Amino acid sequence: MIDFTDSPQFIPHTQKSLNYTPHDVKWVPSSARLVSMGATAGAKGILEIYALSGGELKKRAEAGEE
């Protein structure tokens, strides 16, 4: 039998629906922020910065191809 007690555990604190396919998400060190990078269905790149505030992810900035 495999013992999973020492394995990393993921505990979701919140969820966010996106209108693009995320390719990578990174936490900003020493903060409650994260950066999401991905592409829309029309193959446009998008980058968004979110902050965790009161248990919710709130978008702080967005950049994308025009």
Protein backbone atom coordinates (compact mmCIF):
# COMPACT_ATOMS: atom_id res chain seq x y z
CA MET A 1 0.00 0.00 0.00
CA ILE A 2 1.23 3.52 -0.84
CA ASP A 3 1.42 6.09 1.97
CA PHE A 4 0.28 9.52 0.71
CA THR A 5 0.55 11.34 4.07
CA ASP A 6 3.90 12.94 3.10
CA SER A 7 2.70 13.99 -0.38
CA PRO A 8 2.00 17.63 -1.19
CA GLN A 9 -1.65 18.59 -0.83
CA PHE A 10 -3.48 21.24 -2.83
CA ILE A 11 -6.10 23.18 -0.93
CA PRO A 12 -8.19 25.43 -3.19
CA HIS A 13 -8.99 28.77 -1.55
CA THR A 14 -10.89 30.29 -4.47
CA GLN A 15 -11.70 29.74 -8.16
CA LYS A 16 -11.89 32.07 -11.13
CA SER A 17 -13.49 31.51 -14.55
CA LEU A 18 -11.37 32.72 -17.46
CA ASN A 19 -12.32 33.53 -21.06
CA TYR A 20 -8.96 32.24 -22.34
CA THR A 21 -6.81 29.13 -22.02
CA PRO A 22 -4.22 29.66 -19.26
CA HIS A 23 -0.79 28.25 -20.11
CA ASP A 24 0.99 29.21 -16.88
CA VAL A 25 0.15 30.75 -13.52
CA LYS A 26 2.83 32.03 -11.13
CA TRP A 27 2.67 33.48 -7.63
CA VAL A 28 4.40 36.83 -7.12
CA PRO A 29 6.91 36.18 -4.28
CA SER A 30 6.12 37.64 -0.85
CA SER A 31 2.66 38.81 -1.91
CA ALA A 32 -0.95 37.69 -2.29
CA ARG A 33 -0.80 38.18 -6.07
CA LEU A 34 -0.49 35.90 -9.07
CA VAL A 35 0.10 36.31 -12.80
CA SER A 36 -1.83 34.27 -15.37
CA MET A 37 -0.56 33.95 -18.95
CA GLY A 38 -2.44 32.34 -21.81
CA ALA A 39 -4.13 32.68 -25.19
CA THR A 40 -7.67 33.42 -26.37
CA ALA A 41 -9.54 31.32 -28.93
CA GLY A 42 -8.40 33.79 -31.60
CA ALA A 43 -4.74 33.06 -30.74
CA LYS A 44 -4.19 36.41 -28.99
CA GLY A 45 -1.82 36.44 -26.04
CA ILE A 46 -3.09 37.65 -22.67
CA LEU A 47 -1.47 38.37 -19.33
CA GLU A 48 -3.45 39.18 -16.18
CA ILE A 49 -2.44 40.07 -12.64
CA TYR A 50 -4.76 39.07 -9.79
CA ALA A 51 -4.69 39.82 -6.07
CA LEU A 52 -6.20 37.65 -3.35
CA SER A 53 -8.40 39.94 -1.28
CA GLY A 54 -10.99 38.82 1.25
CA GLY A 55 -10.94 35.27 -0.09
CA GLU A 56 -11.56 36.39 -3.69
CA LEU A 57 -9.30 36.83 -6.69
CA LYS A 58 -9.64 40.36 -8.03
CA LYS A 59 -8.13 41.41 -11.36
CA ARG A 60 -5.64 44.25 -10.90
CA ALA A 61 -4.19 44.58 -14.41
CA GLU A 62 -4.51 43.08 -17.89
CA ALA A 63 -2.40 43.20 -21.04
CA GLY A 64 -3.00 41.52 -24.38
CA GLU A 65 -2.37 41.73 -28.09
CA GLU A 66 -4.65 44.04 -30.03
